[in-house]
Amino acid sequence: YGAQARVVFARDSVFPTSFPDGWKVTAAGCI
């Protein structure tokens, strides 16, 4: 979604965000 994303794994969802130096994880361990 623009500069934000949701990556869903079998046991976790991780939320990365785009920064000038690349994508960084803003949240993890998400249910």
Full PDB file with SEQRES, HELIX, SHEET, SSBOND, CRYST1, ORIGX, SCALE, CONECT and MASTER records, all heavy atoms in Angstrom:
SEQRES   1 A   31  TYR GLY ALA GLN ALA ARG VAL VAL PHE ALA ARG ASP SER          
SEQRES   2 A   31  VAL PHE PRO THR SER PHE PRO ASP GLY TRP LYS VAL THR          
SEQRES   3 A   31  ALA ALA GLY CYS ILE                                          
SHEET    1 AA1 3 VAL A   7  VAL A   8  0                                        
SHEET    2 AA1 3 SER A  13  PHE A  19 -1                                        
SHEET    3 AA1 3 GLY A  22  CYS A  30 -1                                        
CRYST1    1.000    1.000    1.000  90.00  90.00  90.00 P 1           1          
ORIGX1      1.000000  0.000000  0.000000        0.00000                         
ORIGX2      0.000000  1.000000  0.000000        0.00000                         
ORIGX3      0.000000  0.000000  1.000000        0.00000                         
SCALE1      1.000000  0.000000  0.000000        0.00000                         
SCALE2      0.000000  1.000000  0.000000        0.00000                         
SCALE3      0.000000  0.000000  1.000000        0.00000                         
ATOM      1  N   TYR A   1       0.870  -1.179   0.000  1.00  0.00           N  
ATOM      2  CA  TYR A   1       0.000   0.000   0.000  1.00  0.00           C  
ATOM      3  C   TYR A   1       0.904   1.225   0.000  1.00  0.00           C  
ATOM      4  O   TYR A   1       1.286   1.693   1.069  1.00  0.00           O  
ATOM      5  CB  TYR A   1      -0.907   0.014   1.233  1.00  0.00           C  
ATOM      6  CG  TYR A   1      -1.647  -1.280   1.445  1.00  0.00           C  
ATOM      7  CD1 TYR A   1      -1.156  -2.250   2.306  1.00  0.00           C  
ATOM      8  CD2 TYR A   1      -2.831  -1.537   0.763  1.00  0.00           C  
ATOM      9  CE1 TYR A   1      -1.829  -3.437   2.496  1.00  0.00           C  
ATOM     10  CE2 TYR A   1      -3.512  -2.732   0.943  1.00  0.00           C  
ATOM     11  CZ  TYR A   1      -3.010  -3.673   1.811  1.00  0.00           C  
ATOM     12  OH  TYR A   1      -3.672  -4.860   2.000  1.00  0.00           O  
ATOM     13  N   GLY A   2       1.283   1.707  -1.170  1.00  0.00           N  
ATOM     14  CA  GLY A   2       2.197   2.839  -1.257  1.00  0.00           C  
ATOM     15  C   GLY A   2       3.556   2.485  -0.682  1.00  0.00           C  
ATOM     16  O   GLY A   2       4.237   1.603  -1.171  1.00  0.00           O  
ATOM     17  N   ALA A   3       3.946   3.151   0.395  1.00  0.00           N  
ATOM     18  CA  ALA A   3       5.245   2.921   1.023  1.00  0.00           C  
ATOM     19  C   ALA A   3       5.156   1.953   2.195  1.00  0.00           C  
ATOM     20  O   ALA A   3       6.117   1.794   2.942  1.00  0.00           O  
ATOM     21  CB  ALA A   3       5.840   4.247   1.493  1.00  0.00           C  
ATOM     22  N   GLN A   4       4.020   1.298   2.379  1.00  0.00           N  
ATOM     23  CA  GLN A   4       3.856   0.336   3.464  1.00  0.00           C  
ATOM     24  C   GLN A   4       3.440  -1.004   2.901  1.00  0.00           C  
ATOM     25  O   GLN A   4       2.858  -1.079   1.815  1.00  0.00           O  
ATOM     26  CB  GLN A   4       2.820   0.842   4.465  1.00  0.00           C  
ATOM     27  CG  GLN A   4       3.241   2.140   5.106  1.00  0.00           C  
ATOM     28  CD  GLN A   4       2.250   2.590   6.167  1.00  0.00           C  
ATOM     29  OE1 GLN A   4       1.250   1.948   6.425  1.00  0.00           O  
ATOM     30  NE2 GLN A   4       2.551   3.715   6.779  1.00  0.00           N  
ATOM     31  N   ALA A   5       3.748  -2.061   3.654  1.00  0.00           N  
ATOM     32  CA  ALA A   5       3.413  -3.401   3.178  1.00  0.00           C  
ATOM     33  C   ALA A   5       3.065  -4.311   4.347  1.00  0.00           C  
ATOM     34  O   ALA A   5       3.381  -4.015   5.503  1.00  0.00           O  
ATOM     35  CB  ALA A   5       4.579  -3.991   2.388  1.00  0.00           C  
ATOM     36  N   ARG A   6       2.421  -5.413   3.995  1.00  0.00           N  
ATOM     37  CA  ARG A   6       2.153  -6.486   4.947  1.00  0.00           C  
ATOM     38  C   ARG A   6       2.662  -7.764   4.297  1.00  0.00           C  
ATOM     39  O   ARG A   6       2.296  -8.088   3.162  1.00  0.00           O  
ATOM     40  CB  ARG A   6       0.655  -6.603   5.218  1.00  0.00           C  
ATOM     41  CG  ARG A   6       0.306  -7.791   6.123  1.00  0.00           C  
ATOM     42  CD  ARG A   6      -1.173  -7.915   6.327  1.00  0.00           C  
ATOM     43  NE  ARG A   6      -1.806  -8.259   5.045  1.00  0.00           N  
ATOM     44  CZ  ARG A   6      -3.059  -8.661   4.938  1.00  0.00           C  
ATOM     45  NH1 ARG A   6      -3.827  -8.739   5.994  1.00  0.00           N  
ATOM     46  NH2 ARG A   6      -3.569  -8.948   3.751  1.00  0.00           N  
ATOM     47  N   VAL A   7       3.527  -8.486   5.019  1.00  0.00           N  
ATOM     48  CA  VAL A   7       4.055  -9.751   4.531  1.00  0.00           C  
ATOM     49  C   VAL A   7       3.548 -10.826   5.496  1.00  0.00           C  
ATOM     50  O   VAL A   7       3.884 -10.807   6.682  1.00  0.00           O  
ATOM     51  CB  VAL A   7       5.598  -9.745   4.467  1.00  0.00           C  
ATOM     52  CG1 VAL A   7       6.122 -11.073   3.929  1.00  0.00           C  
ATOM     53  CG2 VAL A   7       6.088  -8.579   3.601  1.00  0.00           C  
ATOM     54  N   VAL A   8       2.731 -11.735   4.975  1.00  0.00           N  
ATOM     55  CA  VAL A   8       2.103 -12.758   5.805  1.00  0.00           C  
ATOM     56  C   VAL A   8       2.852 -14.068   5.641  1.00  0.00           C  
ATOM     57  O   VAL A   8       2.989 -14.586   4.526  1.00  0.00           O  
ATOM     58  CB  VAL A   8       0.615 -12.938   5.421  1.00  0.00           C  
ATOM     59  CG1 VAL A   8      -0.036 -14.019   6.275  1.00  0.00           C  
ATOM     60  CG2 VAL A   8      -0.124 -11.620   5.557  1.00  0.00           C  
ATOM     61  N   PHE A   9       3.330 -14.590   6.764  1.00  0.00           N  
ATOM     62  CA  PHE A   9       3.964 -15.906   6.821  1.00  0.00           C  
ATOM     63  C   PHE A   9       2.982 -16.849   7.529  1.00  0.00           C  
ATOM     64  O   PHE A   9       1.967 -16.405   8.067  1.00  0.00           O  
ATOM     65  CB  PHE A   9       5.279 -15.842   7.600  1.00  0.00           C  
ATOM     66  CG  PHE A   9       6.339 -15.018   6.944  1.00  0.00           C  
ATOM     67  CD1 PHE A   9       6.516 -13.693   7.299  1.00  0.00           C  
ATOM     68  CD2 PHE A   9       7.168 -15.558   5.970  1.00  0.00           C  
ATOM     69  CE1 PHE A   9       7.498 -12.917   6.699  1.00  0.00           C  
ATOM     70  CE2 PHE A   9       8.148 -14.793   5.362  1.00  0.00           C  
ATOM     71  CZ  PHE A   9       8.323 -13.469   5.724  1.00  0.00           C  
ATOM     72  N   ALA A  10       3.290 -18.129   7.577  1.00  0.00           N  
ATOM     73  CA  ALA A  10       2.396 -19.100   8.219  1.00  0.00           C  
ATOM     74  C   ALA A  10       2.185 -18.778   9.700  1.00  0.00           C  
ATOM     75  O   ALA A  10       1.088 -18.940  10.215  1.00  0.00           O  
ATOM     76  CB  ALA A  10       2.957 -20.504   8.059  1.00  0.00           C  
ATOM     77  N   ARG A  11       3.226 -18.299  10.382  1.00  0.00           N  
ATOM     78  CA  ARG A  11       3.119 -18.083  11.827  1.00  0.00           C  
ATOM     79  C   ARG A  11       3.327 -16.640  12.250  1.00  0.00           C  
ATOM     80  O   ARG A  11       3.474 -16.362  13.442  1.00  0.00           O  
ATOM     81  CB  ARG A  11       4.154 -18.962  12.537  1.00  0.00           C  
ATOM     82  CG  ARG A  11       3.880 -20.440  12.353  1.00  0.00           C  
ATOM     83  CD  ARG A  11       4.945 -21.341  12.901  1.00  0.00           C  
ATOM     84  NE  ARG A  11       5.395 -20.954  14.226  1.00  0.00           N  
ATOM     85  CZ  ARG A  11       6.527 -21.382  14.764  1.00  0.00           C  
ATOM     86  NH1 ARG A  11       7.313 -22.178  14.088  1.00  0.00           N  
ATOM     87  NH2 ARG A  11       6.871 -21.001  15.974  1.00  0.00           N  
ATOM     88  N   ASP A  12       3.367 -15.720  11.319  1.00  0.00           N  
ATOM     89  CA  ASP A  12       3.629 -14.325  11.673  1.00  0.00           C  
ATOM     90  C   ASP A  12       3.214 -13.422  10.517  1.00  0.00           C  
ATOM     91  O   ASP A  12       3.164 -13.852   9.371  1.00  0.00           O  
ATOM     92  CB  ASP A  12       5.125 -14.132  11.957  1.00  0.00           C  
ATOM     93  CG  ASP A  12       5.472 -12.803  12.593  1.00  0.00           C  
ATOM     94  OD1 ASP A  12       4.555 -12.055  12.991  1.00  0.00           O  
ATOM     95  OD2 ASP A  12       6.667 -12.501  12.710  1.00  0.00           O  
ATOM     96  N   SER A  13       2.915 -12.190  10.846  1.00  0.00           N  
ATOM     97  CA  SER A  13       2.744 -11.147   9.837  1.00  0.00           C  
ATOM     98  C   SER A  13       3.716 -10.035  10.195  1.00  0.00           C  
ATOM     99  O   SER A  13       3.835  -9.658  11.361  1.00  0.00           O  
ATOM    100  CB  SER A  13       1.307 -10.608   9.837  1.00  0.00           C  
ATOM    101  OG  SER A  13       0.423 -11.578   9.331  1.00  0.00           O  
ATOM    102  N   VAL A  14       4.403  -9.538   9.188  1.00  0.00           N  
ATOM    103  CA  VAL A  14       5.424  -8.511   9.364  1.00  0.00           C  
ATOM    104  C   VAL A  14       5.008  -7.306   8.524  1.00  0.00           C  
ATOM    105  O   VAL A  14       4.545  -7.466   7.395  1.00  0.00           O  
ATOM    106  CB  VAL A  14       6.811  -9.031   8.922  1.00  0.00           C  
ATOM    107  CG1 VAL A  14       7.873  -7.962   9.047  1.00  0.00           C  
ATOM    108  CG2 VAL A  14       7.195 -10.273   9.731  1.00  0.00           C  
ATOM    109  N   PHE A  15       5.188  -6.114   9.084  1.00  0.00           N  
ATOM    110  CA  PHE A  15       4.804  -4.885   8.396  1.00  0.00           C  
ATOM    111  C   PHE A  15       6.046  -4.035   8.114  1.00  0.00           C  
ATOM    112  O   PHE A  15       6.535  -3.352   9.005  1.00  0.00           O  
ATOM    113  CB  PHE A  15       3.803  -4.094   9.243  1.00  0.00           C  
ATOM    114  CG  PHE A  15       2.459  -4.756   9.332  1.00  0.00           C  
ATOM    115  CD1 PHE A  15       2.205  -5.704  10.303  1.00  0.00           C  
ATOM    116  CD2 PHE A  15       1.460  -4.445   8.426  1.00  0.00           C  
ATOM    117  CE1 PHE A  15       0.968  -6.333  10.383  1.00  0.00           C  
ATOM    118  CE2 PHE A  15       0.218  -5.064   8.502  1.00  0.00           C  
ATOM    119  CZ  PHE A  15      -0.024  -6.011   9.479  1.00  0.00           C  
ATOM    120  N   PRO A  16       6.573  -4.076   6.876  1.00  0.00           N  
ATOM    121  CA  PRO A  16       7.684  -3.209   6.494  1.00  0.00           C  
ATOM    122  C   PRO A  16       7.181  -1.876   5.924  1.00  0.00           C  
ATOM    123  O   PRO A  16       6.054  -1.784   5.430  1.00  0.00           O  
ATOM    124  CB  PRO A  16       8.418  -3.996   5.407  1.00  0.00           C  
ATOM    125  CG  PRO A  16       7.697  -5.290   5.251  1.00  0.00           C  
ATOM    126  CD  PRO A  16       6.379  -5.162   5.932  1.00  0.00           C  
ATOM    127  N   THR A  17       8.048  -0.875   5.998  1.00  0.00           N  
ATOM    128  CA  THR A  17       7.776   0.450   5.444  1.00  0.00           C  
ATOM    129  C   THR A  17       9.005   0.881   4.650  1.00  0.00           C  
ATOM    130  O   THR A  17      10.132   0.613   5.042  1.00  0.00           O  
ATOM    131  CB  THR A  17       7.487   1.463   6.566  1.00  0.00           C  
ATOM    132  OG1 THR A  17       6.314   1.031   7.265  1.00  0.00           O  
ATOM    133  CG2 THR A  17       7.246   2.856   6.025  1.00  0.00           C  
ATOM    134  N   SER A  18       8.770   1.592   3.549  1.00  0.00           N  
ATOM    135  CA  SER A  18       9.861   2.077   2.715  1.00  0.00           C  
ATOM    136  C   SER A  18      10.443   3.363   3.288  1.00  0.00           C  
ATOM    137  O   SER A  18       9.717   4.303   3.606  1.00  0.00           O  
ATOM    138  CB  SER A  18       9.356   2.334   1.299  1.00  0.00           C  
ATOM    139  OG  SER A  18      10.402   2.812   0.482  1.00  0.00           O  
ATOM    140  N   PHE A  19      11.766   3.382   3.408  1.00  0.00           N  
ATOM    141  CA  PHE A  19      12.521   4.554   3.848  1.00  0.00           C  
ATOM    142  C   PHE A  19      13.515   4.893   2.740  1.00  0.00           C  
ATOM    143  O   PHE A  19      13.756   4.071   1.850  1.00  0.00           O  
ATOM    144  CB  PHE A  19      13.270   4.249   5.154  1.00  0.00           C  
ATOM    145  CG  PHE A  19      12.360   4.138   6.347  1.00  0.00           C  
ATOM    146  CD1 PHE A  19      11.752   2.940   6.670  1.00  0.00           C  
ATOM    147  CD2 PHE A  19      12.101   5.249   7.138  1.00  0.00           C  
ATOM    148  CE1 PHE A  19      10.905   2.837   7.761  1.00  0.00           C  
ATOM    149  CE2 PHE A  19      11.250   5.164   8.230  1.00  0.00           C  
ATOM    150  CZ  PHE A  19      10.653   3.956   8.549  1.00  0.00           C  
ATOM    151  N   PRO A  20      14.120   6.078   2.762  1.00  0.00           N  
ATOM    152  CA  PRO A  20      15.078   6.432   1.713  1.00  0.00           C  
ATOM    153  C   PRO A  20      16.219   5.418   1.562  1.00  0.00           C  
ATOM    154  O   PRO A  20      16.729   5.224   0.469  1.00  0.00           O  
ATOM    155  CB  PRO A  20      15.612   7.796   2.165  1.00  0.00           C  
ATOM    156  CG  PRO A  20      14.483   8.384   2.948  1.00  0.00           C  
ATOM    157  CD  PRO A  20      13.858   7.211   3.667  1.00  0.00           C  
ATOM    158  N   ASP A  21      16.586   4.734   2.648  1.00  0.00           N  
ATOM    159  CA  ASP A  21      17.678   3.756   2.567  1.00  0.00           C  
ATOM    160  C   ASP A  21      17.180   2.315   2.438  1.00  0.00           C  
ATOM    161  O   ASP A  21      17.936   1.373   2.625  1.00  0.00           O  
ATOM    162  CB  ASP A  21      18.619   3.901   3.763  1.00  0.00           C  
ATOM    163  CG  ASP A  21      17.935   3.666   5.096  1.00  0.00           C  
ATOM    164  OD1 ASP A  21      16.689   3.749   5.162  1.00  0.00           O  
ATOM    165  OD2 ASP A  21      18.640   3.399   6.085  1.00  0.00           O  
ATOM    166  N   GLY A  22      15.910   2.135   2.122  1.00  0.00           N  
ATOM    167  CA  GLY A  22      15.380   0.790   1.907  1.00  0.00           C  
ATOM    168  C   GLY A  22      14.194   0.483   2.803  1.00  0.00           C  
ATOM    169  O   GLY A  22      13.742   1.317   3.582  1.00  0.00           O  
ATOM    170  N   TRP A  23      13.687  -0.733   2.668  1.00  0.00           N  
ATOM    171  CA  TRP A  23      12.536  -1.170   3.461  1.00  0.00           C  
ATOM    172  C   TRP A  23      13.003  -1.612   4.839  1.00  0.00           C  
ATOM    173  O   TRP A  23      14.000  -2.306   4.970  1.00  0.00           O  
ATOM    174  CB  TRP A  23      11.823  -2.315   2.747  1.00  0.00           C  
ATOM    175  CG  TRP A  23      11.046  -1.853   1.558  1.00  0.00           C  
ATOM    176  CD1 TRP A  23      11.546  -1.575   0.315  1.00  0.00           C  
ATOM    177  CD2 TRP A  23       9.654  -1.578   1.498  1.00  0.00           C  
ATOM    178  NE1 TRP A  23      10.532  -1.142  -0.509  1.00  0.00           N  
ATOM    179  CE2 TRP A  23       9.355  -1.149   0.193  1.00  0.00           C  
ATOM    180  CE3 TRP A  23       8.613  -1.665   2.417  1.00  0.00           C  
ATOM    181  CZ2 TRP A  23       8.079  -0.804  -0.224  1.00  0.00           C  
ATOM    182  CZ3 TRP A  23       7.335  -1.329   2.010  1.00  0.00           C  
ATOM    183  CH2 TRP A  23       7.072  -0.903   0.710  1.00  0.00           C  
ATOM    184  N   LYS A  24      12.261  -1.200   5.859  1.00  0.00           N  
ATOM    185  CA  LYS A  24      12.561  -1.525   7.253  1.00  0.00           C  
ATOM    186  C   LYS A  24      11.305  -2.081   7.910  1.00  0.00           C  
ATOM    187  O   LYS A  24      10.185  -1.693   7.569  1.00  0.00           O  
ATOM    188  CB  LYS A  24      13.008  -0.278   8.030  1.00  0.00           C  
ATOM    189  CG  LYS A  24      14.192   0.454   7.433  1.00  0.00           C  
ATOM    190  CD  LYS A  24      15.467  -0.266   7.708  1.00  0.00           C  
ATOM    191  CE  LYS A  24      16.657   0.542   7.199  1.00  0.00           C  
ATOM    192  NZ  LYS A  24      17.903  -0.100   7.465  1.00  0.00           N  
ATOM    193  N   VAL A  25      11.486  -2.938   8.894  1.00  0.00           N  
ATOM    194  CA  VAL A  25      10.363  -3.548   9.609  1.00  0.00           C  
ATOM    195  C   VAL A  25       9.847  -2.588  10.677  1.00  0.00           C  
ATOM    196  O   VAL A  25      10.603  -2.158  11.544  1.00  0.00           O  
ATOM    197  CB  VAL A  25      10.788  -4.894  10.231  1.00  0.00           C  
ATOM    198  CG1 VAL A  25       9.702  -5.448  11.137  1.00  0.00           C  
ATOM    199  CG2 VAL A  25      11.135  -5.885   9.128  1.00  0.00           C  
ATOM    200  N   THR A  26       8.561  -2.259  10.597  1.00  0.00           N  
ATOM    201  CA  THR A  26       7.943  -1.381  11.591  1.00  0.00           C  
ATOM    202  C   THR A  26       7.182  -2.184  12.641  1.00  0.00           C  
ATOM    203  O   THR A  26       6.978  -1.697  13.754  1.00  0.00           O  
ATOM    204  CB  THR A  26       6.973  -0.377  10.935  1.00  0.00           C  
ATOM    205  OG1 THR A  26       6.029  -1.096  10.156  1.00  0.00           O  
ATOM    206  CG2 THR A  26       7.715   0.605  10.061  1.00  0.00           C  
ATOM    207  N   ALA A  27       6.748  -3.398  12.294  1.00  0.00           N  
ATOM    208  CA  ALA A  27       6.023  -4.242  13.244  1.00  0.00           C  
ATOM    209  C   ALA A  27       6.202  -5.705  12.862  1.00  0.00           C  
ATOM    210  O   ALA A  27       6.308  -6.039  11.680  1.00  0.00           O  
ATOM    211  CB  ALA A  27       4.546  -3.880  13.270  1.00  0.00           C  
ATOM    212  N   ALA A  28       6.232  -6.575  13.878  1.00  0.00           N  
ATOM    213  CA  ALA A  28       6.365  -8.023  13.657  1.00  0.00           C  
ATOM    214  C   ALA A  28       5.731  -8.738  14.848  1.00  0.00           C  
ATOM    215  O   ALA A  28       5.407  -8.127  15.862  1.00  0.00           O  
ATOM    216  CB  ALA A  28       7.825  -8.421  13.501  1.00  0.00           C  
ATOM    217  N   GLY A  29       5.590 -10.045  14.702  1.00  0.00           N  
ATOM    218  CA  GLY A  29       4.910 -10.800  15.746  1.00  0.00           C  
ATOM    219  C   GLY A  29       3.446 -10.410  15.792  1.00  0.00           C  
ATOM    220  O   GLY A  29       2.851 -10.304  16.853  1.00  0.00           O  
ATOM    221  N   CYS A  30       2.868 -10.183  14.615  1.00  0.00           N  
ATOM    222  CA  CYS A  30       1.514  -9.646  14.514  1.00  0.00           C  
ATOM    223  C   CYS A  30       0.498 -10.738  14.199  1.00  0.00           C  
ATOM    224  O   CYS A  30       0.722 -11.562  13.313  1.00  0.00           O  
ATOM    225  CB  CYS A  30       1.452  -8.583  13.422  1.00  0.00           C  
ATOM    226  SG  CYS A  30       2.588  -7.207  13.701  1.00  0.00           S  
ATOM    227  N   ILE A  31      -0.596 -10.701  14.923  1.00  0.00           N  
ATOM    228  CA  ILE A  31      -1.681 -11.641  14.669  1.00  0.00           C  
ATOM    229  C   ILE A  31      -2.953 -10.846  14.373  1.00  0.00           C  
ATOM    230  O   ILE A  31      -3.207  -9.820  15.003  1.00  0.00           O  
ATOM    231  CB  ILE A  31      -1.907 -12.628  15.837  1.00  0.00           C  
ATOM    232  CG1 ILE A  31      -2.157 -11.877  17.138  1.00  0.00           C  
ATOM    233  CG2 ILE A  31      -0.741 -13.584  15.985  1.00  0.00           C  
ATOM    234  CD1 ILE A  31      -2.594 -12.758  18.287  1.00  0.00           C  
TER     235      ILE A  31                                                      
MASTER        0    0    0    0    3    0    0    6  234    1    0    3          
END                                                                             
